[in-house]
Amino acid sequence: MTMRQPRTGNLLAMRAETGEKFDKFPAARFPVQHEIQQLQKELNDFNERIIELENEGHRGHAMEVLKANAIDFARRIDELRCLLVRSQRS
C-alpha cells in the first residue's frame, strides 16, 4: 500500500518548481481548453508576482490592483469551465 505524503507549504511555489507545461491542448482543436490554459498561466504569473511583492513587504493600491486582476482571471477561467460542462451535458 502506498502512502500519500501530506501537502504542506506553498502550493504555488511547488507548482512553479515542477515546471508544469500548459500546451496540452492545441488551439485549433480545443479552443476553450487552450484559452483556459492561457488564462491559468497568466493567473499563475500574477499569483507569483503577488507573493514576491508580499514577501518584500509591499502594500497599497498596486497590490490591490494585482489581486483584483488575479480574481478576474480566476472568474474568467471558471466561466469557461462552466461553458465546457454545459456543452458536455447537452
Protein backbone atom coordinates (compact mmCIF):
# COMPACT_ATOMS: atom_id res chain seq x y z
CA MET A 1 0.00 0.00 0.00
CA THR A 2 1.34 3.42 -0.91
CA MET A 3 1.05 6.33 1.46
CA ARG A 4 0.38 9.82 0.14
CA GLN A 5 2.62 12.49 1.52
CA PRO A 6 0.77 15.35 3.18
CA ARG A 7 0.69 18.60 1.24
CA THR A 8 2.31 21.37 3.16
CA GLY A 9 3.91 24.62 2.20
CA ASN A 10 3.28 26.95 -0.68
CA LEU A 11 1.46 25.06 -3.44
CA LEU A 12 2.10 27.85 -5.94
CA ALA A 13 5.82 27.62 -5.36
CA MET A 14 5.73 23.84 -5.61
CA ARG A 15 3.84 24.06 -8.93
CA ALA A 16 6.39 26.53 -10.29
CA GLU A 17 9.24 24.20 -9.32
CA THR A 18 7.78 21.24 -11.20
CA GLY A 19 7.84 23.17 -14.48
CA GLU A 20 4.26 22.29 -15.34
CA LYS A 21 3.51 22.50 -19.07
CA PHE A 22 0.49 24.43 -20.33
CA ASP A 23 0.45 23.48 -24.01
CA LYS A 24 -1.51 20.26 -23.54
CA PHE A 25 -4.33 21.17 -25.93
CA PRO A 26 -3.74 22.51 -29.46
CA ALA A 27 -5.66 25.75 -30.01
CA ALA A 28 -7.22 24.69 -33.31
CA ARG A 29 -8.84 21.52 -31.94
CA PHE A 30 -9.62 22.65 -28.40
CA PRO A 31 -10.06 26.45 -28.37
CA VAL A 32 -11.83 26.68 -24.99
CA GLN A 33 -9.37 24.39 -23.23
CA HIS A 34 -6.48 26.27 -24.80
CA GLU A 35 -7.90 29.59 -23.61
CA ILE A 36 -8.28 28.14 -20.10
CA GLN A 37 -4.63 27.09 -20.18
CA GLN A 38 -3.51 30.54 -21.26
CA LEU A 39 -5.58 32.24 -18.56
CA GLN A 40 -4.28 29.77 -15.96
CA LYS A 41 -0.70 30.59 -16.95
CA GLU A 42 -1.39 34.31 -16.61
CA LEU A 43 -3.13 33.73 -13.27
CA ASN A 44 -0.14 31.76 -12.01
CA ASP A 45 2.16 34.60 -13.13
CA PHE A 46 0.00 37.13 -11.24
CA ASN A 47 -0.01 34.95 -8.13
CA GLU A 48 3.76 34.52 -8.22
CA ARG A 49 4.24 38.29 -8.56
CA ILE A 50 1.81 38.94 -5.70
CA ILE A 51 3.73 36.51 -3.49
CA GLU A 52 7.05 38.15 -4.39
CA LEU A 53 5.75 41.61 -3.56
CA GLU A 54 4.12 40.47 -0.31
CA ASN A 55 7.38 38.82 0.75
CA GLU A 56 9.15 42.14 0.10
CA GLY A 57 6.61 43.90 2.30
CA HIS A 58 4.74 45.80 -0.39
CA ARG A 59 1.25 47.02 0.50
CA GLY A 60 -1.09 49.51 -1.05
CA HIS A 61 -3.04 50.23 -4.18
CA ALA A 62 -0.75 48.35 -6.61
CA MET A 63 -1.17 45.15 -4.59
CA GLU A 64 -4.95 45.58 -4.60
CA VAL A 65 -4.93 46.03 -8.38
CA LEU A 66 -2.82 42.88 -8.86
CA LYS A 67 -5.15 40.90 -6.60
CA ALA A 68 -8.23 42.22 -8.42
CA ASN A 69 -6.70 41.19 -11.75
CA ALA A 70 -5.91 37.72 -10.39
CA ILE A 71 -9.51 37.36 -9.21
CA ASP A 72 -10.73 38.44 -12.65
CA PHE A 73 -8.57 35.78 -14.33
CA ALA A 74 -9.95 33.16 -11.92
CA ARG A 75 -13.51 34.28 -12.70
CA ARG A 76 -12.91 34.04 -16.45
CA ILE A 77 -11.41 30.55 -16.04
CA ASP A 78 -14.46 29.47 -14.02
CA GLU A 79 -16.81 30.83 -16.69
CA LEU A 80 -15.02 28.89 -19.42
CA ARG A 81 -15.04 25.71 -17.33
CA CYS A 82 -18.79 26.12 -16.78
CA LEU A 83 -19.21 26.53 -20.54
CA LEU A 84 -17.39 23.22 -21.08
CA VAL A 85 -19.54 21.43 -18.50
CA ARG A 86 -22.76 22.76 -20.04
CA SER A 87 -21.70 21.73 -23.54
CA GLN A 88 -20.82 18.20 -22.36
CA ARG A 89 -24.25 17.78 -20.73
CA SER A 90 -26.11 18.71 -23.92
